[in-house]
Amino acid sequence: AESSFTTHPGYIAAEACAFLAFLIVSAIQNETYVIPAQIKTFLEEKCAEYKQILMKEIADIEQEIVTESSQKSDVEIESNDQLKNDENVEQKQDVEQAEDKVGKEQKLLQRRRNAKQLMI
């Protein structure tokens, strides 16, 4: 799925690639021959299985978002204290960069979560 970012930058494309890879691997590893009449059942079972995988991944990402939010709050509190006590321009820039980094990481997590929710 990571290689999909080369041609289609975005989490939705990456998630679609991951789903197709899951289906292909499932079909290859299937020990019984699936006759054409059973293909729909096979696909429905694999879609349900993948949905469970996505739901767990979404829960994990939401936990990461909570952690990032907590870190962002800690950075903001720390930065406010530093800015009150110190007028150093370099320190202000460092604090702003740290806040930006946490904010960007949180947005990326939200995009990953949204792409997985879209697949469901």
PDB file of N, CA and C in Angstrom:
ATOM      1  N   ALA A   1       0.821  -1.200   0.000  1.00  0.00           N
ATOM      2  CA  ALA A   1       0.000   0.000   0.000  1.00  0.00           C
ATOM      3  C   ALA A   1       0.869   1.270   0.000  1.00  0.00           C
ATOM      4  N   GLU A   2       2.022   1.216   0.667  1.00  0.00           N
ATOM      5  CA  GLU A   2       2.902   2.391   0.718  1.00  0.00           C
ATOM      6  C   GLU A   2       3.342   2.818  -0.677  1.00  0.00           C
ATOM      7  N   SER A   3       3.578   1.849  -1.561  1.00  0.00           N
ATOM      8  CA  SER A   3       4.054   2.201  -2.898  1.00  0.00           C
ATOM      9  C   SER A   3       2.999   2.961  -3.696  1.00  0.00           C
ATOM     10  N   SER A   4       1.743   2.875  -3.301  1.00  0.00           N
ATOM     11  CA  SER A   4       0.690   3.598  -4.023  1.00  0.00           C
ATOM     12  C   SER A   4       0.873   5.105  -3.895  1.00  0.00           C
ATOM     13  N   PHE A   5       1.581   5.561  -2.869  1.00  0.00           N
ATOM     14  CA  PHE A   5       1.818   6.991  -2.696  1.00  0.00           C
ATOM     15  C   PHE A   5       2.662   7.554  -3.847  1.00  0.00           C
ATOM     16  N   THR A   6       3.410   6.690  -4.520  1.00  0.00           N
ATOM     17  CA  THR A   6       4.249   7.128  -5.632  1.00  0.00           C
ATOM     18  C   THR A   6       3.412   7.678  -6.777  1.00  0.00           C
ATOM     19  N   THR A   7       2.343   6.976  -7.108  1.00  0.00           N
ATOM     20  CA  THR A   7       1.527   7.380  -8.256  1.00  0.00           C
ATOM     21  C   THR A   7       0.242   8.100  -7.864  1.00  0.00           C
ATOM     22  N   HIS A   8      -0.279   7.801  -6.678  1.00  0.00           N
ATOM     23  CA  HIS A   8      -1.530   8.402  -6.221  1.00  0.00           C
ATOM     24  C   HIS A   8      -1.370   8.842  -4.768  1.00  0.00           C
ATOM     25  N   PRO A   9      -0.780  10.006  -4.555  1.00  0.00           N
ATOM     26  CA  PRO A   9      -0.554  10.433  -3.172  1.00  0.00           C
ATOM     27  C   PRO A   9      -1.882  10.652  -2.450  1.00  0.00           C
ATOM     28  N   GLY A  10      -2.081   9.925  -1.407  1.00  0.00           N
ATOM     29  CA  GLY A  10      -3.280  10.069  -0.615  1.00  0.00           C
ATOM     30  C   GLY A  10      -3.601   8.773   0.096  1.00  0.00           C
ATOM     31  N   TYR A  11      -4.225   8.908   1.235  1.00  0.00           N
ATOM     32  CA  TYR A  11      -4.522   7.746   2.057  1.00  0.00           C
ATOM     33  C   TYR A  11      -5.637   6.877   1.481  1.00  0.00           C
ATOM     34  N   ILE A  12      -6.540   7.455   0.720  1.00  0.00           N
ATOM     35  CA  ILE A  12      -7.624   6.667   0.138  1.00  0.00           C
ATOM     36  C   ILE A  12      -7.053   5.699  -0.898  1.00  0.00           C
ATOM     37  N   ALA A  13      -6.156   6.177  -1.742  1.00  0.00           N
ATOM     38  CA  ALA A  13      -5.517   5.301  -2.735  1.00  0.00           C
ATOM     39  C   ALA A  13      -4.709   4.206  -2.041  1.00  0.00           C
ATOM     40  N   ALA A  14      -3.995   4.569  -0.997  1.00  0.00           N
ATOM     41  CA  ALA A  14      -3.197   3.585  -0.269  1.00  0.00           C
ATOM     42  C   ALA A  14      -4.094   2.532   0.371  1.00  0.00           C
ATOM     43  N   GLU A  15      -5.204   2.962   0.912  1.00  0.00           N
ATOM     44  CA  GLU A  15      -6.124   2.019   1.547  1.00  0.00           C
ATOM     45  C   GLU A  15      -6.776   1.105   0.520  1.00  0.00           C
ATOM     46  N   ALA A  16      -7.109   1.646  -0.644  1.00  0.00           N
ATOM     47  CA  ALA A  16      -7.681   0.819  -1.718  1.00  0.00           C
ATOM     48  C   ALA A  16      -6.664  -0.237  -2.165  1.00  0.00           C
ATOM     49  N   CYS A  17      -5.397   0.149  -2.271  1.00  0.00           N
ATOM     50  CA  CYS A  17      -4.343  -0.813  -2.633  1.00  0.00           C
ATOM     51  C   CYS A  17      -4.204  -1.887  -1.562  1.00  0.00           C
ATOM     52  N   ALA A  18      -4.265  -1.492  -0.323  1.00  0.00           N
ATOM     53  CA  ALA A  18      -4.164  -2.459   0.770  1.00  0.00           C
ATOM     54  C   ALA A  18      -5.319  -3.455   0.722  1.00  0.00           C
ATOM     55  N   PHE A  19      -6.511  -2.971   0.430  1.00  0.00           N
ATOM     56  CA  PHE A  19      -7.679  -3.846   0.336  1.00  0.00           C
ATOM     57  C   PHE A  19      -7.521  -4.833  -0.827  1.00  0.00           C
ATOM     58  N   LEU A  20      -7.109  -4.335  -1.988  1.00  0.00           N
ATOM     59  CA  LEU A  20      -6.929  -5.227  -3.133  1.00  0.00           C
ATOM     60  C   LEU A  20      -5.825  -6.256  -2.861  1.00  0.00           C
ATOM     61  N   ALA A  21      -4.762  -5.838  -2.212  1.00  0.00           N
ATOM     62  CA  ALA A  21      -3.695  -6.781  -1.857  1.00  0.00           C
ATOM     63  C   ALA A  21      -4.236  -7.845  -0.900  1.00  0.00           C
ATOM     64  N   PHE A  22      -5.059  -7.428   0.054  1.00  0.00           N
ATOM     65  CA  PHE A  22      -5.677  -8.374   0.988  1.00  0.00           C
ATOM     66  C   PHE A  22      -6.519  -9.397   0.229  1.00  0.00           C
ATOM     67  N   LEU A  23      -7.323  -8.927  -0.723  1.00  0.00           N
ATOM     68  CA  LEU A  23      -8.158  -9.844  -1.506  1.00  0.00           C
ATOM     69  C   LEU A  23      -7.311 -10.824  -2.323  1.00  0.00           C
ATOM     70  N   ILE A  24      -6.272 -10.331  -2.955  1.00  0.00           N
ATOM     71  CA  ILE A  24      -5.410 -11.185  -3.780  1.00  0.00           C
ATOM     72  C   ILE A  24      -4.723 -12.247  -2.928  1.00  0.00           C
ATOM     73  N   VAL A  25      -4.146 -11.817  -1.809  1.00  0.00           N
ATOM     74  CA  VAL A  25      -3.473 -12.765  -0.922  1.00  0.00           C
ATOM     75  C   VAL A  25      -4.471 -13.790  -0.390  1.00  0.00           C
ATOM     76  N   SER A  26      -5.658 -13.348  -0.030  1.00  0.00           N
ATOM     77  CA  SER A  26      -6.692 -14.268   0.462  1.00  0.00           C
ATOM     78  C   SER A  26      -7.056 -15.294  -0.604  1.00  0.00           C
ATOM     79  N   ALA A  27      -7.179 -14.856  -1.840  1.00  0.00           N
ATOM     80  CA  ALA A  27      -7.521 -15.771  -2.932  1.00  0.00           C
ATOM     81  C   ALA A  27      -6.403 -16.778  -3.170  1.00  0.00           C
ATOM     82  N   ILE A  28      -5.150 -16.300  -3.125  1.00  0.00           N
ATOM     83  CA  ILE A  28      -4.011 -17.195  -3.341  1.00  0.00           C
ATOM     84  C   ILE A  28      -3.902 -18.219  -2.217  1.00  0.00           C
ATOM     85  N   GLN A  29      -4.129 -17.776  -0.988  1.00  0.00           N
ATOM     86  CA  GLN A  29      -3.990 -18.667   0.158  1.00  0.00           C
ATOM     87  C   GLN A  29      -5.203 -19.566   0.370  1.00  0.00           C
ATOM     88  N   ASN A  30      -6.270 -19.317  -0.359  1.00  0.00           N
ATOM     89  CA  ASN A  30      -7.472 -20.139  -0.231  1.00  0.00           C
ATOM     90  C   ASN A  30      -7.139 -21.576  -0.638  1.00  0.00           C
ATOM     91  N   GLU A  31      -7.378 -22.513   0.266  1.00  0.00           N
ATOM     92  CA  GLU A  31      -6.998 -23.896   0.025  1.00  0.00           C
ATOM     93  C   GLU A  31      -7.994 -24.641  -0.869  1.00  0.00           C
ATOM     94  N   THR A  32      -9.179 -24.126  -0.976  1.00  0.00           N
ATOM     95  CA  THR A  32     -10.175 -24.805  -1.800  1.00  0.00           C
ATOM     96  C   THR A  32     -10.419 -24.004  -3.065  1.00  0.00           C
ATOM     97  N   TYR A  33     -10.710 -24.695  -4.103  1.00  0.00           N
ATOM     98  CA  TYR A  33     -11.014 -24.052  -5.375  1.00  0.00           C
ATOM     99  C   TYR A  33     -12.382 -23.381  -5.267  1.00  0.00           C
ATOM    100  N   VAL A  34     -12.453 -22.138  -5.638  1.00  0.00           N
ATOM    101  CA  VAL A  34     -13.714 -21.401  -5.588  1.00  0.00           C
ATOM    102  C   VAL A  34     -14.335 -21.442  -6.979  1.00  0.00           C
ATOM    103  N   ILE A  35     -15.498 -22.066  -7.051  1.00  0.00           N
ATOM    104  CA  ILE A  35     -16.190 -22.105  -8.342  1.00  0.00           C
ATOM    105  C   ILE A  35     -16.891 -20.765  -8.549  1.00  0.00           C
ATOM    106  N   PRO A  36     -17.161 -20.422  -9.782  1.00  0.00           N
ATOM    107  CA  PRO A  36     -17.760 -19.115 -10.070  1.00  0.00           C
ATOM    108  C   PRO A  36     -19.008 -18.797  -9.232  1.00  0.00           C
ATOM    109  N   ALA A  37     -19.798 -19.785  -8.921  1.00  0.00           N
ATOM    110  CA  ALA A  37     -21.008 -19.544  -8.130  1.00  0.00           C
ATOM    111  C   ALA A  37     -20.677 -19.143  -6.691  1.00  0.00           C
ATOM    112  N   GLN A  38     -19.460 -19.459  -6.235  1.00  0.00           N
ATOM    113  CA  GLN A  38     -19.059 -19.158  -4.853  1.00  0.00           C
ATOM    114  C   GLN A  38     -18.253 -17.865  -4.729  1.00  0.00           C
ATOM    115  N   ILE A  39     -17.943 -17.254  -5.823  1.00  0.00           N
ATOM    116  CA  ILE A  39     -17.099 -16.054  -5.788  1.00  0.00           C
ATOM    117  C   ILE A  39     -17.755 -14.939  -4.981  1.00  0.00           C
ATOM    118  N   LYS A  40     -19.052 -14.749  -5.162  1.00  0.00           N
ATOM    119  CA  LYS A  40     -19.747 -13.696  -4.413  1.00  0.00           C
ATOM    120  C   LYS A  40     -19.642 -13.948  -2.912  1.00  0.00           C
ATOM    121  N   THR A  41     -19.847 -15.187  -2.500  1.00  0.00           N
ATOM    122  CA  THR A  41     -19.753 -15.525  -1.071  1.00  0.00           C
ATOM    123  C   THR A  41     -18.337 -15.295  -0.562  1.00  0.00           C
ATOM    124  N   PHE A  42     -17.340 -15.730  -1.339  1.00  0.00           N
ATOM    125  CA  PHE A  42     -15.942 -15.527  -0.967  1.00  0.00           C
ATOM    126  C   PHE A  42     -15.649 -14.041  -0.772  1.00  0.00           C
ATOM    127  N   LEU A  43     -16.074 -13.221  -1.729  1.00  0.00           N
ATOM    128  CA  LEU A  43     -15.820 -11.778  -1.644  1.00  0.00           C
ATOM    129  C   LEU A  43     -16.548 -11.152  -0.458  1.00  0.00           C
ATOM    130  N   GLU A  44     -17.773 -11.550  -0.212  1.00  0.00           N
ATOM    131  CA  GLU A  44     -18.521 -11.016   0.930  1.00  0.00           C
ATOM    132  C   GLU A  44     -17.840 -11.364   2.243  1.00  0.00           C
ATOM    133  N   GLU A  45     -17.354 -12.621   2.353  1.00  0.00           N
ATOM    134  CA  GLU A  45     -16.649 -13.034   3.577  1.00  0.00           C
ATOM    135  C   GLU A  45     -15.370 -12.225   3.761  1.00  0.00           C
ATOM    136  N   LYS A  46     -14.624 -12.038   2.696  1.00  0.00           N
ATOM    137  CA  LYS A  46     -13.359 -11.304   2.787  1.00  0.00           C
ATOM    138  C   LYS A  46     -13.606  -9.817   3.071  1.00  0.00           C
ATOM    139  N   CYS A  47     -14.672  -9.266   2.514  1.00  0.00           N
ATOM    140  CA  CYS A  47     -15.013  -7.861   2.805  1.00  0.00           C
ATOM    141  C   CYS A  47     -15.358  -7.692   4.283  1.00  0.00           C
ATOM    142  N   ALA A  48     -16.112  -8.645   4.818  1.00  0.00           N
ATOM    143  CA  ALA A  48     -16.465  -8.588   6.242  1.00  0.00           C
ATOM    144  C   ALA A  48     -15.215  -8.723   7.112  1.00  0.00           C
ATOM    145  N   GLU A  49     -14.318  -9.612   6.708  1.00  0.00           N
ATOM    146  CA  GLU A  49     -13.064  -9.799   7.440  1.00  0.00           C
ATOM    147  C   GLU A  49     -12.220  -8.522   7.403  1.00  0.00           C
ATOM    148  N   TYR A  50     -12.129  -7.909   6.238  1.00  0.00           N
ATOM    149  CA  TYR A  50     -11.341  -6.686   6.100  1.00  0.00           C
ATOM    150  C   TYR A  50     -11.971  -5.538   6.889  1.00  0.00           C
ATOM    151  N   LYS A  51     -13.282  -5.519   6.939  1.00  0.00           N
ATOM    152  CA  LYS A  51     -13.969  -4.489   7.720  1.00  0.00           C
ATOM    153  C   LYS A  51     -13.560  -4.574   9.188  1.00  0.00           C
ATOM    154  N   GLN A  52     -13.450  -5.782   9.723  1.00  0.00           N
ATOM    155  CA  GLN A  52     -13.014  -5.958  11.108  1.00  0.00           C
ATOM    156  C   GLN A  52     -11.585  -5.451  11.302  1.00  0.00           C
ATOM    157  N   ILE A  53     -10.732  -5.727  10.317  1.00  0.00           N
ATOM    158  CA  ILE A  53      -9.349  -5.236  10.374  1.00  0.00           C
ATOM    159  C   ILE A  53      -9.346  -3.707  10.398  1.00  0.00           C
ATOM    160  N   LEU A  54     -10.148  -3.102   9.513  1.00  0.00           N
ATOM    161  CA  LEU A  54     -10.215  -1.637   9.449  1.00  0.00           C
ATOM    162  C   LEU A  54     -10.733  -1.048  10.758  1.00  0.00           C
ATOM    163  N   MET A  55     -11.730  -1.671  11.348  1.00  0.00           N
ATOM    164  CA  MET A  55     -12.301  -1.146  12.592  1.00  0.00           C
ATOM    165  C   MET A  55     -11.258  -1.151  13.707  1.00  0.00           C
ATOM    166  N   LYS A  56     -10.425  -2.190  13.771  1.00  0.00           N
ATOM    167  CA  LYS A  56      -9.359  -2.226  14.773  1.00  0.00           C
ATOM    168  C   LYS A  56      -8.327  -1.136  14.484  1.00  0.00           C
ATOM    169  N   GLU A  57      -7.957  -0.993  13.210  1.00  0.00           N
ATOM    170  CA  GLU A  57      -6.982   0.038  12.847  1.00  0.00           C
ATOM    171  C   GLU A  57      -7.509   1.439  13.151  1.00  0.00           C
ATOM    172  N   ILE A  58      -8.802   1.659  12.907  1.00  0.00           N
ATOM    173  CA  ILE A  58      -9.405   2.960  13.211  1.00  0.00           C
ATOM    174  C   ILE A  58      -9.336   3.230  14.708  1.00  0.00           C
ATOM    175  N   ALA A  59      -9.646   2.209  15.512  1.00  0.00           N
ATOM    176  CA  ALA A  59      -9.574   2.377  16.967  1.00  0.00           C
ATOM    177  C   ALA A  59      -8.146   2.715  17.401  1.00  0.00           C
ATOM    178  N   ASP A  60      -7.164   2.047  16.800  1.00  0.00           N
ATOM    179  CA  ASP A  60      -5.757   2.329  17.129  1.00  0.00           C
ATOM    180  C   ASP A  60      -5.383   3.761  16.748  1.00  0.00           C
ATOM    181  N   ILE A  61      -5.827   4.192  15.578  1.00  0.00           N
ATOM    182  CA  ILE A  61      -5.521   5.553  15.124  1.00  0.00           C
ATOM    183  C   ILE A  61      -6.199   6.575  16.031  1.00  0.00           C
ATOM    184  N   GLU A  62      -7.433   6.314  16.421  1.00  0.00           N
ATOM    185  CA  GLU A  62      -8.128   7.251  17.317  1.00  0.00           C
ATOM    186  C   GLU A  62      -7.400   7.375  18.646  1.00  0.00           C
ATOM    187  N   GLN A  63      -6.817   6.273  19.112  1.00  0.00           N
ATOM    188  CA  GLN A  63      -6.021   6.342  20.340  1.00  0.00           C
ATOM    189  C   GLN A  63      -4.774   7.197  20.116  1.00  0.00           C
ATOM    190  N   GLU A  64      -4.150   7.064  18.953  1.00  0.00           N
ATOM    191  CA  GLU A  64      -2.987   7.898  18.626  1.00  0.00           C
ATOM    192  C   GLU A  64      -3.377   9.371  18.568  1.00  0.00           C
ATOM    193  N   ILE A  65      -4.560   9.651  18.027  1.00  0.00           N
ATOM    194  CA  ILE A  65      -5.036  11.045  17.951  1.00  0.00           C
ATOM    195  C   ILE A  65      -5.201  11.617  19.346  1.00  0.00           C
ATOM    196  N   VAL A  66      -5.748  10.822  20.252  1.00  0.00           N
ATOM    197  CA  VAL A  66      -5.913  11.273  21.646  1.00  0.00           C
ATOM    198  C   VAL A  66      -4.540  11.559  22.256  1.00  0.00           C
ATOM    199  N   THR A  67      -3.592  10.683  21.995  1.00  0.00           N
ATOM    200  CA  THR A  67      -2.231  10.871  22.514  1.00  0.00           C
ATOM    201  C   THR A  67      -1.608  12.136  21.937  1.00  0.00           C
ATOM    202  N   GLU A  68      -1.759  12.330  20.616  1.00  0.00           N
ATOM    203  CA  GLU A  68      -1.223  13.534  19.973  1.00  0.00           C
ATOM    204  C   GLU A  68      -1.878  14.797  20.550  1.00  0.00           C
ATOM    205  N   SER A  69      -3.183  14.736  20.790  1.00  0.00           N
ATOM    206  CA  SER A  69      -3.893  15.892  21.362  1.00  0.00           C
ATOM    207  C   SER A  69      -3.345  16.220  22.737  1.00  0.00           C
ATOM    208  N   SER A  70      -3.070  15.184  23.504  1.00  0.00           N
ATOM    209  CA  SER A  70      -2.505  15.378  24.837  1.00  0.00           C
ATOM    210  C   SER A  70      -1.122  16.006  24.741  1.00  0.00           C
ATOM    211  N   GLN A  71      -0.317  15.519  23.798  1.00  0.00           N
ATOM    212  CA  GLN A  71       1.024  16.082  23.612  1.00  0.00           C
ATOM    213  C   GLN A  71       0.944  17.530  23.147  1.00  0.00           C
ATOM    214  N   LYS A  72      -0.023  17.814  22.270  1.00  0.00           N
ATOM    215  CA  LYS A  72      -0.180  19.188  21.780  1.00  0.00           C
ATOM    216  C   LYS A  72      -0.542  20.114  22.942  1.00  0.00           C
ATOM    217  N   SER A  73      -1.425  19.655  23.818  1.00  0.00           N
ATOM    218  CA  SER A  73      -1.801  20.464  24.977  1.00  0.00           C
ATOM    219  C   SER A  73      -0.602  20.708  25.869  1.00  0.00           C
ATOM    220  N   ASP A  74       0.216  19.648  26.067  1.00  0.00           N
ATOM    221  CA  ASP A  74       1.413  19.790  26.894  1.00  0.00           C
ATOM    222  C   ASP A  74       2.386  20.796  26.276  1.00  0.00           C
ATOM    223  N   VAL A  75       2.571  20.717  24.957  1.00  0.00           N
ATOM    224  CA  VAL A  75       3.471  21.647  24.270  1.00  0.00           C
ATOM    225  C   VAL A  75       2.950  23.070  24.399  1.00  0.00           C
ATOM    226  N   GLU A  76       1.640  23.254  24.231  1.00  0.00           N
ATOM    227  CA  GLU A  76       1.057  24.597  24.327  1.00  0.00           C
ATOM    228  C   GLU A  76       1.213  25.173  25.728  1.00  0.00           C
ATOM    229  N   ILE A  77       0.974  24.359  26.747  1.00  0.00           N
ATOM    230  CA  ILE A  77       1.121  24.829  28.133  1.00  0.00           C
ATOM    231  C   ILE A  77       2.571  25.208  28.404  1.00  0.00           C
ATOM    232  N   GLU A  78       3.474  24.310  27.982  1.00  0.00           N
ATOM    233  CA  GLU A  78       4.900  24.571  28.184  1.00  0.00           C
ATOM    234  C   GLU A  78       5.337  25.823  27.432  1.00  0.00           C
ATOM    235  N   SER A  79       4.844  25.964  26.204  1.00  0.00           N
ATOM    236  CA  SER A  79       5.251  27.112  25.405  1.00  0.00           C
ATOM    237  C   SER A  79       4.715  28.410  25.986  1.00  0.00           C
ATOM    238  N   ASN A  80       3.493  28.401  26.477  1.00  0.00           N
ATOM    239  CA  ASN A  80       2.927  29.599  27.091  1.00  0.00           C
ATOM    240  C   ASN A  80       3.739  30.018  28.311  1.00  0.00           C
ATOM    241  N   ASP A  81       4.153  29.034  29.109  1.00  0.00           N
ATOM    242  CA  ASP A  81       4.975  29.341  30.280  1.00  0.00           C
ATOM    243  C   ASP A  81       6.320  29.922  29.862  1.00  0.00           C
ATOM    244  N   GLN A  82       6.936  29.327  28.839  1.00  0.00           N
ATOM    245  CA  GLN A  82       8.231  29.816  28.381  1.00  0.00           C
ATOM    246  C   GLN A  82       8.117  31.219  27.795  1.00  0.00           C
ATOM    247  N   LEU A  83       7.076  31.447  27.029  1.00  0.00           N
ATOM    248  CA  LEU A  83       6.927  32.745  26.381  1.00  0.00           C
ATOM    249  C   LEU A  83       6.673  33.846  27.401  1.00  0.00           C
ATOM    250  N   LYS A  84       6.001  33.505  28.492  1.00  0.00           N
ATOM    251  CA  LYS A  84       5.769  34.504  29.543  1.00  0.00           C
ATOM    252  C   LYS A  84       7.065  34.855  30.255  1.00  0.00           C
ATOM    253  N   ASN A  85       7.904  33.827  30.416  1.00  0.00           N
ATOM    254  CA  ASN A  85       9.122  34.011  31.191  1.00  0.00           C
ATOM    255  C   ASN A  85      10.322  34.442  30.359  1.00  0.00           C
ATOM    256  N   ASP A  86      10.226  34.300  29.058  1.00  0.00           N
ATOM    257  CA  ASP A  86      11.392  34.566  28.226  1.00  0.00           C
ATOM    258  C   ASP A  86      10.952  35.213  26.916  1.00  0.00           C
ATOM    259  N   GLU A  87      11.654  36.217  26.518  1.00  0.00           N
ATOM    260  CA  GLU A  87      11.323  36.926  25.281  1.00  0.00           C
ATOM    261  C   GLU A  87      12.263  36.546  24.142  1.00  0.00           C
ATOM    262  N   ASN A  88      13.003  35.454  24.282  1.00  0.00           N
ATOM    263  CA  ASN A  88      13.959  35.022  23.280  1.00  0.00           C
ATOM    264  C   ASN A  88      13.222  34.617  21.998  1.00  0.00           C
ATOM    265  N   VAL A  89      13.566  35.239  20.887  1.00  0.00           N
ATOM    266  CA  VAL A  89      12.903  35.002  19.600  1.00  0.00           C
ATOM    267  C   VAL A  89      13.144  33.574  19.110  1.00  0.00           C
ATOM    268  N   GLU A  90      14.359  33.071  19.280  1.00  0.00           N
ATOM    269  CA  GLU A  90      14.669  31.709  18.830  1.00  0.00           C
ATOM    270  C   GLU A  90      13.827  30.690  19.577  1.00  0.00           C
ATOM    271  N   GLN A  91      13.658  30.874  20.857  1.00  0.00           N
ATOM    272  CA  GLN A  91      12.851  29.929  21.636  1.00  0.00           C
ATOM    273  C   GLN A  91      11.393  29.985  21.181  1.00  0.00           C
ATOM    274  N   LYS A  92      10.895  31.167  20.875  1.00  0.00           N
ATOM    275  CA  LYS A  92       9.523  31.301  20.393  1.00  0.00           C
ATOM    276  C   LYS A  92       9.355  30.533  19.081  1.00  0.00           C
ATOM    277  N   GLN A  93      10.354  30.648  18.201  1.00  0.00           N
ATOM    278  CA  GLN A  93      10.282  29.935  16.922  1.00  0.00           C
ATOM    279  C   GLN A  93      10.332  28.423  17.127  1.00  0.00           C
ATOM    280  N   ASP A  94      11.171  27.970  18.052  1.00  0.00           N
ATOM    281  CA  ASP A  94      11.252  26.532  18.348  1.00  0.00           C
ATOM    282  C   ASP A  94       9.913  26.011  18.869  1.00  0.00           C
ATOM    283  N   VAL A  95       9.296  26.777  19.728  1.00  0.00           N
ATOM    284  CA  VAL A  95       8.002  26.387  20.291  1.00  0.00           C
ATOM    285  C   VAL A  95       6.944  26.323  19.191  1.00  0.00           C
ATOM    286  N   GLU A  96       6.936  27.326  18.326  1.00  0.00           N
ATOM    287  CA  GLU A  96       5.964  27.342  17.225  1.00  0.00           C
ATOM    288  C   GLU A  96       6.175  26.157  16.294  1.00  0.00           C
ATOM    289  N   GLN A  97       7.434  25.808  16.024  1.00  0.00           N
ATOM    290  CA  GLN A  97       7.723  24.660  15.168  1.00  0.00           C
ATOM    291  C   GLN A  97       7.256  23.356  15.821  1.00  0.00           C
ATOM    292  N   ALA A  98       7.457  23.242  17.113  1.00  0.00           N
ATOM    293  CA  ALA A  98       7.008  22.039  17.829  1.00  0.00           C
ATOM    294  C   ALA A  98       5.486  21.919  17.777  1.00  0.00           C
ATOM    295  N   GLU A  99       4.796  23.037  17.952  1.00  0.00           N
ATOM    296  CA  GLU A  99       3.331  23.027  17.875  1.00  0.00           C
ATOM    297  C   GLU A  99       2.866  22.655  16.470  1.00  0.00           C
ATOM    298  N   ASP A 100       3.536  23.197  15.454  1.00  0.00           N
ATOM    299  CA  ASP A 100       3.186  22.883  14.064  1.00  0.00           C
ATOM    300  C   ASP A 100       3.381  21.402  13.771  1.00  0.00           C
ATOM    301  N   LYS A 101       4.482  20.842  14.268  1.00  0.00           N
ATOM    302  CA  LYS A 101       4.775  19.426  14.020  1.00  0.00           C
ATOM    303  C   LYS A 101       3.692  18.542  14.627  1.00  0.00           C
ATOM    304  N   VAL A 102       3.306  18.815  15.848  1.00  0.00           N
ATOM    305  CA  VAL A 102       2.265  18.025  16.498  1.00  0.00           C
ATOM    306  C   VAL A 102       0.948  18.179  15.746  1.00  0.00           C
ATOM    307  N   GLY A 103       0.642  19.395  15.320  1.00  0.00           N
ATOM    308  CA  GLY A 103      -0.590  19.637  14.576  1.00  0.00           C
ATOM    309  C   GLY A 103      -0.615  18.888  13.250  1.00  0.00           C
ATOM    310  N   LYS A 104       0.510  18.869  12.541  1.00  0.00           N
ATOM    311  CA  LYS A 104       0.599  18.160  11.264  1.00  0.00           C
ATOM    312  C   LYS A 104       0.452  16.658  11.462  1.00  0.00           C
ATOM    313  N   GLU A 105       1.099  16.131  12.495  1.00  0.00           N
ATOM    314  CA  GLU A 105       0.998  14.696  12.774  1.00  0.00           C
ATOM    315  C   GLU A 105      -0.449  14.310  13.085  1.00  0.00           C
ATOM    316  N   GLN A 106      -1.131  15.165  13.810  1.00  0.00           N
ATOM    317  CA  GLN A 106      -2.524  14.884  14.150  1.00  0.00           C
ATOM    318  C   GLN A 106      -3.399  14.913  12.892  1.00  0.00           C
ATOM    319  N   LYS A 107      -3.152  15.848  11.994  1.00  0.00           N
ATOM    320  CA  LYS A 107      -3.918  15.915  10.743  1.00  0.00           C
ATOM    321  C   LYS A 107      -3.682  14.677   9.885  1.00  0.00           C
ATOM    322  N   LEU A 108      -2.440  14.210   9.824  1.00  0.00           N
ATOM    323  CA  LEU A 108      -2.141  12.999   9.057  1.00  0.00           C
ATOM    324  C   LEU A 108      -2.859  11.790   9.636  1.00  0.00           C
ATOM    325  N   LEU A 109      -2.881  11.703  10.949  1.00  0.00           N
ATOM    326  CA  LEU A 109      -3.610  10.603  11.590  1.00  0.00           C
ATOM    327  C   LEU A 109      -5.098  10.673  11.256  1.00  0.00           C
ATOM    328  N   GLN A 110      -5.641  11.876  11.281  1.00  0.00           N
ATOM    329  CA  GLN A 110      -7.060  12.037  10.950  1.00  0.00           C
ATOM    330  C   GLN A 110      -7.328  11.629   9.504  1.00  0.00           C
ATOM    331  N   ARG A 111      -6.430  11.945   8.592  1.00  0.00           N
ATOM    332  CA  ARG A 111      -6.610  11.559   7.186  1.00  0.00           C
ATOM    333  C   ARG A 111      -6.562  10.046   7.032  1.00  0.00           C
ATOM    334  N   ARG A 112      -5.622   9.411   7.723  1.00  0.00           N
ATOM    335  CA  ARG A 112      -5.549   7.937   7.679  1.00  0.00           C
ATOM    336  C   ARG A 112      -6.843   7.327   8.198  1.00  0.00           C
ATOM    337  N   ARG A 113      -7.327   7.852   9.318  1.00  0.00           N
ATOM    338  CA  ARG A 113      -8.574   7.338   9.894  1.00  0.00           C
ATOM    339  C   ARG A 113      -9.733   7.544   8.926  1.00  0.00           C
ATOM    340  N   ASN A 114      -9.831   8.713   8.332  1.00  0.00           N
ATOM    341  CA  ASN A 114     -10.927   9.009   7.406  1.00  0.00           C
ATOM    342  C   ASN A 114     -10.907   8.088   6.192  1.00  0.00           C
ATOM    343  N   ALA A 115      -9.720   7.778   5.677  1.00  0.00           N
ATOM    344  CA  ALA A 115      -9.623   6.881   4.528  1.00  0.00           C
ATOM    345  C   ALA A 115     -10.114   5.489   4.895  1.00  0.00           C
ATOM    346  N   LYS A 116      -9.759   5.031   6.081  1.00  0.00           N
ATOM    347  CA  LYS A 116     -10.220   3.710   6.522  1.00  0.00           C
ATOM    348  C   LYS A 116     -11.726   3.704   6.741  1.00  0.00           C
ATOM    349  N   GLN A 117     -12.262   4.788   7.292  1.00  0.00           N
ATOM    350  CA  GLN A 117     -13.711   4.878   7.482  1.00  0.00           C
ATOM    351  C   GLN A 117     -14.429   4.887   6.140  1.00  0.00           C
ATOM    352  N   LEU A 118     -13.852   5.523   5.160  1.00  0.00           N
ATOM    353  CA  LEU A 118     -14.446   5.553   3.839  1.00  0.00           C
ATOM    354  C   LEU A 118     -14.522   4.151   3.231  1.00  0.00           C
ATOM    355  N   MET A 119     -13.496   3.362   3.469  1.00  0.00           N
ATOM    356  CA  MET A 119     -13.473   1.987   2.946  1.00  0.00           C
ATOM    357  C   MET A 119     -14.569   1.122   3.563  1.00  0.00           C
ATOM    358  N   ILE A 120     -14.918   1.414   4.796  1.00  0.00           N
ATOM    359  CA  ILE A 120     -15.984   0.632   5.456  1.00  0.00           C
ATOM    360  C   ILE A 120     -17.292   0.939   4.780  1.00  0.00           C
TER     361      ILE A 120
END
